[in-house]
């Protein structure tokens, strides 16, 4: 379990960064709201996964939505598209590496 903790803490950092990144560049209203909701859900599940690593499967679903929403929702800048794609891939990779 101790070897997994750095990944779990990195999971929290990813969720916090998604929230903060909304303010770094211009987002469309849909992407701005989506980042707020996704980051809250993702970070909440990341905190819960500290006690029960199986909860990481919920983070997989949320990260998959972030990946899809990067393409589906209107965006103000291409930076949002590429950021959310990269971040969602990192989120998926981290969630898959945490062992239950």
PDB file of N, CA and C in Angstrom:
ATOM      1  N   UNK A   1       0.826  -1.208   0.000  1.00  0.00           N
ATOM      2  CA  UNK A   1       0.000   0.000   0.000  1.00  0.00           C
ATOM      3  C   UNK A   1       0.860   1.256   0.000  1.00  0.00           C
ATOM      4  N   UNK A   2       1.966   1.245   0.708  1.00  0.00           N
ATOM      5  CA  UNK A   2       2.807   2.441   0.798  1.00  0.00           C
ATOM      6  C   UNK A   2       3.354   2.842  -0.555  1.00  0.00           C
ATOM      7  N   UNK A   3       3.643   1.867  -1.427  1.00  0.00           N
ATOM      8  CA  UNK A   3       4.157   2.177  -2.760  1.00  0.00           C
ATOM      9  C   UNK A   3       3.102   2.855  -3.611  1.00  0.00           C
ATOM     10  N   UNK A   4       1.852   2.643  -3.291  1.00  0.00           N
ATOM     11  CA  UNK A   4       0.761   3.232  -4.062  1.00  0.00           C
ATOM     12  C   UNK A   4       0.467   4.677  -3.662  1.00  0.00           C
ATOM     13  N   UNK A   5       0.859   5.077  -2.481  1.00  0.00           N
ATOM     14  CA  UNK A   5       0.486   6.399  -1.998  1.00  0.00           C
ATOM     15  C   UNK A   5       0.982   7.555  -2.870  1.00  0.00           C
ATOM     16  N   UNK A   6       2.210   7.529  -3.411  1.00  0.00           N
ATOM     17  CA  UNK A   6       2.589   8.639  -4.289  1.00  0.00           C
ATOM     18  C   UNK A   6       1.656   8.780  -5.490  1.00  0.00           C
ATOM     19  N   UNK A   7       1.221   7.658  -6.054  1.00  0.00           N
ATOM     20  CA  UNK A   7       0.275   7.715  -7.172  1.00  0.00           C
ATOM     21  C   UNK A   7      -1.064   8.293  -6.729  1.00  0.00           C
ATOM     22  N   UNK A   8      -1.508   7.904  -5.554  1.00  0.00           N
ATOM     23  CA  UNK A   8      -2.782   8.407  -5.071  1.00  0.00           C
ATOM     24  C   UNK A   8      -2.718   9.912  -4.794  1.00  0.00           C
ATOM     25  N   UNK A   9      -1.588  10.368  -4.271  1.00  0.00           N
ATOM     26  CA  UNK A   9      -1.440  11.810  -4.049  1.00  0.00           C
ATOM     27  C   UNK A   9      -1.326  12.545  -5.381  1.00  0.00           C
ATOM     28  N   UNK A  10      -0.664  11.944  -6.350  1.00  0.00           N
ATOM     29  CA  UNK A  10      -0.577  12.550  -7.678  1.00  0.00           C
ATOM     30  C   UNK A  10      -1.967  12.648  -8.294  1.00  0.00           C
ATOM     31  N   UNK A  11      -2.810  11.669  -8.008  1.00  0.00           N
ATOM     32  CA  UNK A  11      -4.203  11.692  -8.442  1.00  0.00           C
ATOM     33  C   UNK A  11      -4.905  12.963  -7.937  1.00  0.00           C
ATOM     34  N   UNK A  12      -4.668  13.287  -6.672  1.00  0.00           N
ATOM     35  CA  UNK A  12      -5.245  14.512  -6.098  1.00  0.00           C
ATOM     36  C   UNK A  12      -4.716  15.754  -6.797  1.00  0.00           C
ATOM     37  N   UNK A  13      -3.437  15.763  -7.096  1.00  0.00           N
ATOM     38  CA  UNK A  13      -2.820  16.912  -7.769  1.00  0.00           C
ATOM     39  C   UNK A  13      -3.427  17.105  -9.156  1.00  0.00           C
ATOM     40  N   UNK A  14      -3.664  16.005  -9.873  1.00  0.00           N
ATOM     41  CA  UNK A  14      -4.280  16.111 -11.202  1.00  0.00           C
ATOM     42  C   UNK A  14      -5.667  16.758 -11.120  1.00  0.00           C
ATOM     43  N   UNK A  15      -6.458  16.327 -10.152  1.00  0.00           N
ATOM     44  CA  UNK A  15      -7.794  16.910  -9.983  1.00  0.00           C
ATOM     45  C   UNK A  15      -7.737  18.381  -9.615  1.00  0.00           C
ATOM     46  N   UNK A  16      -6.812  18.735  -8.728  1.00  0.00           N
ATOM     47  CA  UNK A  16      -6.659  20.142  -8.335  1.00  0.00           C
ATOM     48  C   UNK A  16      -6.184  20.988  -9.518  1.00  0.00           C
ATOM     49  N   UNK A  17      -5.262  20.438 -10.311  1.00  0.00           N
ATOM     50  CA  UNK A  17      -4.773  21.191 -11.476  1.00  0.00           C
ATOM     51  C   UNK A  17      -5.906  21.440 -12.477  1.00  0.00           C
ATOM     52  N   UNK A  18      -6.768  20.453 -12.691  1.00  0.00           N
ATOM     53  CA  UNK A  18      -7.889  20.657 -13.612  1.00  0.00           C
ATOM     54  C   UNK A  18      -8.741  21.827 -13.148  1.00  0.00           C
ATOM     55  N   UNK A  19      -8.998  21.910 -11.852  1.00  0.00           N
ATOM     56  CA  UNK A  19      -9.780  23.026 -11.330  1.00  0.00           C
ATOM     57  C   UNK A  19      -9.063  24.353 -11.566  1.00  0.00           C
ATOM     58  N   UNK A  20      -7.792  24.415 -11.227  1.00  0.00           N
ATOM     59  CA  UNK A  20      -7.036  25.657 -11.367  1.00  0.00           C
ATOM     60  C   UNK A  20      -6.821  26.057 -12.822  1.00  0.00           C
ATOM     61  N   UNK A  21      -6.701  25.083 -13.695  1.00  0.00           N
ATOM     62  CA  UNK A  21      -6.430  25.394 -15.104  1.00  0.00           C
ATOM     63  C   UNK A  21      -7.567  26.160 -15.762  1.00  0.00           C
ATOM     64  N   UNK A  22      -8.751  26.111 -15.179  1.00  0.00           N
ATOM     65  CA  UNK A  22      -9.880  26.876 -15.735  1.00  0.00           C
ATOM     66  C   UNK A  22      -9.578  28.364 -15.771  1.00  0.00           C
ATOM     67  N   UNK A  23      -8.705  28.810 -14.880  1.00  0.00           N
ATOM     68  CA  UNK A  23      -8.413  30.230 -14.759  1.00  0.00           C
ATOM     69  C   UNK A  23      -7.152  30.650 -15.505  1.00  0.00           C
ATOM     70  N   UNK A  24      -6.441  29.691 -16.079  1.00  0.00           N
ATOM     71  CA  UNK A  24      -5.161  29.985 -16.726  1.00  0.00           C
ATOM     72  C   UNK A  24      -5.361  30.585 -18.112  1.00  0.00           C
ATOM     73  N   UNK A  25      -6.352  30.104 -18.864  1.00  0.00           N
ATOM     74  CA  UNK A  25      -6.654  30.659 -20.179  1.00  0.00           C
ATOM     75  C   UNK A  25      -8.164  30.663 -20.355  1.00  0.00           C
ATOM     76  N   UNK A  26      -8.612  31.298 -21.415  1.00  0.00           N
ATOM     77  CA  UNK A  26     -10.034  31.449 -21.668  1.00  0.00           C
ATOM     78  C   UNK A  26     -10.668  30.109 -22.022  1.00  0.00           C
ATOM     79  N   UNK A  27     -11.756  29.785 -21.336  1.00  0.00           N
ATOM     80  CA  UNK A  27     -12.557  28.602 -21.615  1.00  0.00           C
ATOM     81  C   UNK A  27     -13.937  29.043 -22.079  1.00  0.00           C
ATOM     82  N   UNK A  28     -14.582  28.224 -22.885  1.00  0.00           N
ATOM     83  CA  UNK A  28     -15.995  28.475 -23.164  1.00  0.00           C
ATOM     84  C   UNK A  28     -16.756  28.221 -21.871  1.00  0.00           C
ATOM     85  N   UNK A  29     -17.974  28.702 -21.811  1.00  0.00           N
ATOM     86  CA  UNK A  29     -18.774  28.505 -20.601  1.00  0.00           C
ATOM     87  C   UNK A  29     -18.963  27.013 -20.321  1.00  0.00           C
ATOM     88  N   UNK A  30     -19.182  26.233 -21.372  1.00  0.00           N
ATOM     89  CA  UNK A  30     -19.394  24.793 -21.196  1.00  0.00           C
ATOM     90  C   UNK A  30     -18.129  24.114 -20.669  1.00  0.00           C
ATOM     91  N   UNK A  31     -16.979  24.448 -21.228  1.00  0.00           N
ATOM     92  CA  UNK A  31     -15.725  23.839 -20.776  1.00  0.00           C
ATOM     93  C   UNK A  31     -15.357  24.307 -19.367  1.00  0.00           C
ATOM     94  N   UNK A  32     -15.635  25.564 -19.069  1.00  0.00           N
ATOM     95  CA  UNK A  32     -15.352  26.100 -17.739  1.00  0.00           C
ATOM     96  C   UNK A  32     -16.154  25.354 -16.684  1.00  0.00           C
ATOM     97  N   UNK A  33     -17.456  25.186 -16.938  1.00  0.00           N
ATOM     98  CA  UNK A  33     -18.324  24.463 -16.000  1.00  0.00           C
ATOM     99  C   UNK A  33     -17.954  22.988 -15.930  1.00  0.00           C
ATOM    100  N   UNK A  34     -17.664  22.399 -17.073  1.00  0.00           N
ATOM    101  CA  UNK A  34     -17.285  20.987 -17.108  1.00  0.00           C
ATOM    102  C   UNK A  34     -16.026  20.745 -16.281  1.00  0.00           C
ATOM    103  N   UNK A  35     -15.051  21.617 -16.410  1.00  0.00           N
ATOM    104  CA  UNK A  35     -13.814  21.463 -15.635  1.00  0.00           C
ATOM    105  C   UNK A  35     -14.094  21.559 -14.135  1.00  0.00           C
ATOM    106  N   UNK A  36     -15.008  22.425 -13.747  1.00  0.00           N
ATOM    107  CA  UNK A  36     -15.350  22.558 -12.330  1.00  0.00           C
ATOM    108  C   UNK A  36     -15.995  21.281 -11.802  1.00  0.00           C
ATOM    109  N   UNK A  37     -16.964  20.761 -12.525  1.00  0.00           N
ATOM    110  CA  UNK A  37     -17.676  19.558 -12.083  1.00  0.00           C
ATOM    111  C   UNK A  37     -16.756  18.342 -12.108  1.00  0.00           C
ATOM    112  N   UNK A  38     -16.032  18.179 -13.206  1.00  0.00           N
ATOM    113  CA  UNK A  38     -15.147  17.022 -13.334  1.00  0.00           C
ATOM    114  C   UNK A  38     -14.052  17.063 -12.271  1.00  0.00           C
ATOM    115  N   UNK A  39     -13.474  18.228 -12.041  1.00  0.00           N
ATOM    116  CA  UNK A  39     -12.403  18.308 -11.034  1.00  0.00           C
ATOM    117  C   UNK A  39     -12.945  18.025  -9.637  1.00  0.00           C
ATOM    118  N   UNK A  40     -14.142  18.491  -9.324  1.00  0.00           N
ATOM    119  CA  UNK A  40     -14.729  18.217  -8.009  1.00  0.00           C
ATOM    120  C   UNK A  40     -14.999  16.723  -7.833  1.00  0.00           C
ATOM    121  N   UNK A  41     -15.596  16.103  -8.841  1.00  0.00           N
ATOM    122  CA  UNK A  41     -15.874  14.666  -8.758  1.00  0.00           C
ATOM    123  C   UNK A  41     -14.579  13.853  -8.707  1.00  0.00           C
ATOM    124  N   UNK A  42     -13.650  14.194  -9.580  1.00  0.00           N
ATOM    125  CA  UNK A  42     -12.393  13.446  -9.664  1.00  0.00           C
ATOM    126  C   UNK A  42     -11.601  13.566  -8.367  1.00  0.00           C
ATOM    127  N   UNK A  43     -11.495  14.776  -7.851  1.00  0.00           N
ATOM    128  CA  UNK A  43     -10.729  14.993  -6.621  1.00  0.00           C
ATOM    129  C   UNK A  43     -11.427  14.333  -5.429  1.00  0.00           C
ATOM    130  N   UNK A  44     -12.741  14.424  -5.388  1.00  0.00           N
ATOM    131  CA  UNK A  44     -13.483  13.758  -4.317  1.00  0.00           C
ATOM    132  C   UNK A  44     -13.268  12.255  -4.324  1.00  0.00           C
ATOM    133  N   UNK A  45     -13.308  11.661  -5.506  1.00  0.00           N
ATOM    134  CA  UNK A  45     -13.062  10.224  -5.599  1.00  0.00           C
ATOM    135  C   UNK A  45     -11.603   9.884  -5.302  1.00  0.00           C
ATOM    136  N   UNK A  46     -10.690  10.780  -5.674  1.00  0.00           N
ATOM    137  CA  UNK A  46      -9.275  10.548  -5.363  1.00  0.00           C
ATOM    138  C   UNK A  46      -9.050  10.534  -3.849  1.00  0.00           C
ATOM    139  N   UNK A  47      -9.735  11.412  -3.139  1.00  0.00           N
ATOM    140  CA  UNK A  47      -9.644  11.421  -1.673  1.00  0.00           C
ATOM    141  C   UNK A  47     -10.230  10.121  -1.118  1.00  0.00           C
ATOM    142  N   UNK A  48     -11.379   9.721  -1.628  1.00  0.00           N
ATOM    143  CA  UNK A  48     -12.003   8.478  -1.170  1.00  0.00           C
ATOM    144  C   UNK A  48     -11.125   7.268  -1.485  1.00  0.00           C
ATOM    145  N   UNK A  49     -10.413   7.320  -2.603  1.00  0.00           N
ATOM    146  CA  UNK A  49      -9.551   6.202  -3.005  1.00  0.00           C
ATOM    147  C   UNK A  49      -8.333   6.054  -2.094  1.00  0.00           C
ATOM    148  N   UNK A  50      -8.012   7.085  -1.321  1.00  0.00           N
ATOM    149  CA  UNK A  50      -6.919   6.951  -0.358  1.00  0.00           C
ATOM    150  C   UNK A  50      -7.243   5.855   0.657  1.00  0.00           C
ATOM    151  N   UNK A  51      -8.524   5.687   0.966  1.00  0.00           N
ATOM    152  CA  UNK A  51      -8.951   4.662   1.908  1.00  0.00           C
ATOM    153  C   UNK A  51      -9.398   3.375   1.239  1.00  0.00           C
ATOM    154  N   UNK A  52      -9.842   3.472   0.008  1.00  0.00           N
ATOM    155  CA  UNK A  52     -10.329   2.301  -0.723  1.00  0.00           C
ATOM    156  C   UNK A  52      -9.911   2.427  -2.186  1.00  0.00           C
ATOM    157  N   UNK A  53      -8.791   1.831  -2.564  1.00  0.00           N
ATOM    158  CA  UNK A  53      -8.266   1.995  -3.921  1.00  0.00           C
ATOM    159  C   UNK A  53      -9.207   1.543  -5.033  1.00  0.00           C
ATOM    160  N   UNK A  54     -10.189   0.734  -4.732  1.00  0.00           N
ATOM    161  CA  UNK A  54     -11.130   0.293  -5.773  1.00  0.00           C
ATOM    162  C   UNK A  54     -11.961   1.443  -6.314  1.00  0.00           C
ATOM    163  N   UNK A  55     -12.043   2.499  -5.571  1.00  0.00           N
ATOM    164  CA  UNK A  55     -12.812   3.668  -6.011  1.00  0.00           C
ATOM    165  C   UNK A  55     -12.179   4.303  -7.243  1.00  0.00           C
ATOM    166  N   UNK A  56     -10.923   3.953  -7.522  1.00  0.00           N
ATOM    167  CA  UNK A  56     -10.230   4.495  -8.690  1.00  0.00           C
ATOM    168  C   UNK A  56     -10.980   4.220  -9.985  1.00  0.00           C
ATOM    169  N   UNK A  57     -11.821   3.171 -10.003  1.00  0.00           N
ATOM    170  CA  UNK A  57     -12.591   2.883 -11.217  1.00  0.00           C
ATOM    171  C   UNK A  57     -13.555   4.019 -11.539  1.00  0.00           C
ATOM    172  N   UNK A  58     -14.042   4.681 -10.526  1.00  0.00           N
ATOM    173  CA  UNK A  58     -14.870   5.869 -10.761  1.00  0.00           C
ATOM    174  C   UNK A  58     -14.065   6.973 -11.420  1.00  0.00           C
ATOM    175  N   UNK A  59     -12.811   7.107 -11.015  1.00  0.00           N
ATOM    176  CA  UNK A  59     -11.943   8.102 -11.639  1.00  0.00           C
ATOM    177  C   UNK A  59     -11.673   7.771 -13.102  1.00  0.00           C
ATOM    178  N   UNK A  60     -11.628   6.498 -13.435  1.00  0.00           N
ATOM    179  CA  UNK A  60     -11.464   6.105 -14.843  1.00  0.00           C
ATOM    180  C   UNK A  60     -12.630   6.611 -15.681  1.00  0.00           C
ATOM    181  N   UNK A  61     -13.833   6.450 -15.154  1.00  0.00           N
ATOM    182  CA  UNK A  61     -15.030   6.903 -15.873  1.00  0.00           C
ATOM    183  C   UNK A  61     -15.005   8.419 -16.033  1.00  0.00           C
ATOM    184  N   UNK A  62     -14.671   9.122 -14.971  1.00  0.00           N
ATOM    185  CA  UNK A  62     -14.636  10.587 -15.026  1.00  0.00           C
ATOM    186  C   UNK A  62     -13.560  11.065 -15.992  1.00  0.00           C
ATOM    187  N   UNK A  63     -12.398  10.431 -15.970  1.00  0.00           N
ATOM    188  CA  UNK A  63     -11.318  10.813 -16.891  1.00  0.00           C
ATOM    189  C   UNK A  63     -11.713  10.530 -18.341  1.00  0.00           C
ATOM    190  N   UNK A  64     -12.430   9.428 -18.560  1.00  0.00           N
ATOM    191  CA  UNK A  64     -12.910   9.124 -19.916  1.00  0.00           C
ATOM    192  C   UNK A  64     -13.882  10.208 -20.382  1.00  0.00           C
ATOM    193  N   UNK A  65     -14.743  10.683 -19.478  1.00  0.00           N
ATOM    194  CA  UNK A  65     -15.644  11.774 -19.838  1.00  0.00           C
ATOM    195  C   UNK A  65     -14.854  13.039 -20.183  1.00  0.00           C
ATOM    196  N   UNK A  66     -13.832  13.345 -19.411  1.00  0.00           N
ATOM    197  CA  UNK A  66     -13.015  14.521 -19.704  1.00  0.00           C
ATOM    198  C   UNK A  66     -12.418  14.412 -21.103  1.00  0.00           C
ATOM    199  N   UNK A  67     -11.945  13.228 -21.465  1.00  0.00           N
ATOM    200  CA  UNK A  67     -11.386  13.008 -22.799  1.00  0.00           C
ATOM    201  C   UNK A  67     -12.439  13.273 -23.872  1.00  0.00           C
ATOM    202  N   UNK A  68     -13.621  12.680 -23.699  1.00  0.00           N
ATOM    203  CA  UNK A  68     -14.699  12.869 -24.684  1.00  0.00           C
ATOM    204  C   UNK A  68     -15.191  14.309 -24.729  1.00  0.00           C
ATOM    205  N   UNK A  69     -15.339  14.914 -23.570  1.00  0.00           N
ATOM    206  CA  UNK A  69     -15.869  16.277 -23.526  1.00  0.00           C
ATOM    207  C   UNK A  69     -14.906  17.284 -24.156  1.00  0.00           C
ATOM    208  N   UNK A  70     -13.620  16.961 -24.169  1.00  0.00           N
ATOM    209  CA  UNK A  70     -12.658  17.844 -24.833  1.00  0.00           C
ATOM    210  C   UNK A  70     -13.013  17.998 -26.305  1.00  0.00           C
ATOM    211  N   UNK A  71     -13.543  16.951 -26.896  1.00  0.00           N
ATOM    212  CA  UNK A  71     -13.938  16.976 -28.305  1.00  0.00           C
ATOM    213  C   UNK A  71     -15.379  17.441 -28.486  1.00  0.00           C
ATOM    214  N   UNK A  72     -16.258  17.065 -27.567  1.00  0.00           N
ATOM    215  CA  UNK A  72     -17.691  17.284 -27.766  1.00  0.00           C
ATOM    216  C   UNK A  72     -18.181  18.676 -27.387  1.00  0.00           C
ATOM    217  N   UNK A  73     -17.613  19.267 -26.357  1.00  0.00           N
ATOM    218  CA  UNK A  73     -18.095  20.562 -25.888  1.00  0.00           C
ATOM    219  C   UNK A  73     -17.419  21.694 -26.657  1.00  0.00           C
ATOM    220  N   UNK A  74     -18.151  22.791 -26.866  1.00  0.00           N
ATOM    221  CA  UNK A  74     -17.512  23.926 -27.544  1.00  0.00           C
ATOM    222  C   UNK A  74     -16.368  24.478 -26.696  1.00  0.00           C
ATOM    223  N   UNK A  75     -15.361  24.988 -27.360  1.00  0.00           N
ATOM    224  CA  UNK A  75     -14.199  25.517 -26.640  1.00  0.00           C
ATOM    225  C   UNK A  75     -13.815  26.872 -27.223  1.00  0.00           C
ATOM    226  N   UNK A  76     -13.236  27.683 -26.375  1.00  0.00           N
ATOM    227  CA  UNK A  76     -12.802  29.016 -26.792  1.00  0.00           C
ATOM    228  C   UNK A  76     -11.416  28.977 -27.413  1.00  0.00           C
ATOM    229  N   UNK A  77     -10.597  28.007 -27.007  1.00  0.00           N
ATOM    230  CA  UNK A  77      -9.231  27.898 -27.519  1.00  0.00           C
ATOM    231  C   UNK A  77      -8.860  26.428 -27.714  1.00  0.00           C
ATOM    232  N   UNK A  78      -7.966  26.186 -28.664  1.00  0.00           N
ATOM    233  CA  UNK A  78      -7.477  24.828 -28.857  1.00  0.00           C
ATOM    234  C   UNK A  78      -6.657  24.351 -27.663  1.00  0.00           C
ATOM    235  N   UNK A  79      -6.121  25.283 -26.895  1.00  0.00           N
ATOM    236  CA  UNK A  79      -5.339  24.905 -25.709  1.00  0.00           C
ATOM    237  C   UNK A  79      -6.186  24.058 -24.764  1.00  0.00           C
ATOM    238  N   UNK A  80      -7.465  24.359 -24.666  1.00  0.00           N
ATOM    239  CA  UNK A  80      -8.354  23.584 -23.790  1.00  0.00           C
ATOM    240  C   UNK A  80      -8.476  22.154 -24.284  1.00  0.00           C
ATOM    241  N   UNK A  81      -8.619  21.977 -25.579  1.00  0.00           N
ATOM    242  CA  UNK A  81      -8.710  20.643 -26.158  1.00  0.00           C
ATOM    243  C   UNK A  81      -7.476  19.821 -25.817  1.00  0.00           C
ATOM    244  N   UNK A  82      -6.310  20.341 -26.126  1.00  0.00           N
ATOM    245  CA  UNK A  82      -5.077  19.570 -25.934  1.00  0.00           C
ATOM    246  C   UNK A  82      -4.735  19.383 -24.453  1.00  0.00           C
ATOM    247  N   UNK A  83      -5.038  20.376 -23.660  1.00  0.00           N
ATOM    248  CA  UNK A  83      -4.818  20.237 -22.221  1.00  0.00           C
ATOM    249  C   UNK A  83      -5.685  19.129 -21.643  1.00  0.00           C
ATOM    250  N   UNK A  84      -6.972  19.163 -21.963  1.00  0.00           N
ATOM    251  CA  UNK A  84      -7.889  18.178 -21.394  1.00  0.00           C
ATOM    252  C   UNK A  84      -7.616  16.767 -21.911  1.00  0.00           C
ATOM    253  N   UNK A  85      -7.174  16.650 -23.151  1.00  0.00           N
ATOM    254  CA  UNK A  85      -6.808  15.336 -23.671  1.00  0.00           C
ATOM    255  C   UNK A  85      -5.589  14.808 -22.913  1.00  0.00           C
ATOM    256  N   UNK A  86      -4.563  15.621 -22.804  1.00  0.00           N
ATOM    257  CA  UNK A  86      -3.357  15.199 -22.090  1.00  0.00           C
ATOM    258  C   UNK A  86      -3.626  14.883 -20.639  1.00  0.00           C
ATOM    259  N   UNK A  87      -4.406  15.738 -19.992  1.00  0.00           N
ATOM    260  CA  UNK A  87      -4.723  15.525 -18.576  1.00  0.00           C
ATOM    261  C   UNK A  87      -5.560  14.264 -18.382  1.00  0.00           C
ATOM    262  N   UNK A  88      -6.526  14.039 -19.248  1.00  0.00           N
ATOM    263  CA  UNK A  88      -7.361  12.842 -19.109  1.00  0.00           C
ATOM    264  C   UNK A  88      -6.540  11.571 -19.323  1.00  0.00           C
ATOM    265  N   UNK A  89      -5.597  11.593 -20.245  1.00  0.00           N
ATOM    266  CA  UNK A  89      -4.731  10.430 -20.451  1.00  0.00           C
ATOM    267  C   UNK A  89      -3.888  10.181 -19.199  1.00  0.00           C
ATOM    268  N   UNK A  90      -3.365  11.243 -18.607  1.00  0.00           N
ATOM    269  CA  UNK A  90      -2.598  11.098 -17.362  1.00  0.00           C
ATOM    270  C   UNK A  90      -3.482  10.554 -16.249  1.00  0.00           C
ATOM    271  N   UNK A  91      -4.714  11.061 -16.144  1.00  0.00           N
ATOM    272  CA  UNK A  91      -5.649  10.587 -15.117  1.00  0.00           C
ATOM    273  C   UNK A  91      -5.959   9.104 -15.290  1.00  0.00           C
ATOM    274  N   UNK A  92      -6.174   8.700 -16.523  1.00  0.00           N
ATOM    275  CA  UNK A  92      -6.469   7.288 -16.797  1.00  0.00           C
ATOM    276  C   UNK A  92      -5.264   6.428 -16.443  1.00  0.00           C
ATOM    277  N   UNK A  93      -4.088   6.873 -16.842  1.00  0.00           N
ATOM    278  CA  UNK A  93      -2.867   6.102 -16.566  1.00  0.00           C
ATOM    279  C   UNK A  93      -2.635   5.936 -15.062  1.00  0.00           C
ATOM    280  N   UNK A  94      -2.821   7.004 -14.306  1.00  0.00           N
ATOM    281  CA  UNK A  94      -2.621   6.929 -12.859  1.00  0.00           C
ATOM    282  C   UNK A  94      -3.667   6.017 -12.220  1.00  0.00           C
ATOM    283  N   UNK A  95      -4.913   6.168 -12.621  1.00  0.00           N
ATOM    284  CA  UNK A  95      -5.976   5.342 -12.031  1.00  0.00           C
ATOM    285  C   UNK A  95      -5.764   3.856 -12.337  1.00  0.00           C
ATOM    286  N   UNK A  96      -5.223   3.553 -13.494  1.00  0.00           N
ATOM    287  CA  UNK A  96      -4.996   2.155 -13.855  1.00  0.00           C
ATOM    288  C   UNK A  96      -3.779   1.569 -13.120  1.00  0.00           C
ATOM    289  N   UNK A  97      -2.867   2.410 -12.689  1.00  0.00           N
ATOM    290  CA  UNK A  97      -1.666   1.935 -11.990  1.00  0.00           C
ATOM    291  C   UNK A  97      -1.902   1.694 -10.502  1.00  0.00           C
ATOM    292  N   UNK A  98      -2.926   2.320  -9.930  1.00  0.00           N
ATOM    293  CA  UNK A  98      -3.221   2.116  -8.510  1.00  0.00           C
ATOM    294  C   UNK A  98      -3.857   0.744  -8.363  1.00  0.00           C
ATOM    295  N   UNK A  99      -3.296  -0.037  -7.477  1.00  0.00           N
ATOM    296  CA  UNK A  99      -3.797  -1.398  -7.275  1.00  0.00           C
ATOM    297  C   UNK A  99      -4.791  -1.439  -6.124  1.00  0.00           C
ATOM    298  N   UNK A 100      -5.833  -2.215  -6.341  1.00  0.00           N
ATOM    299  CA  UNK A 100      -6.854  -2.376  -5.296  1.00  0.00           C
ATOM    300  C   UNK A 100      -6.437  -3.451  -4.321  1.00  0.00           C
TER     301      UNK A 100
END
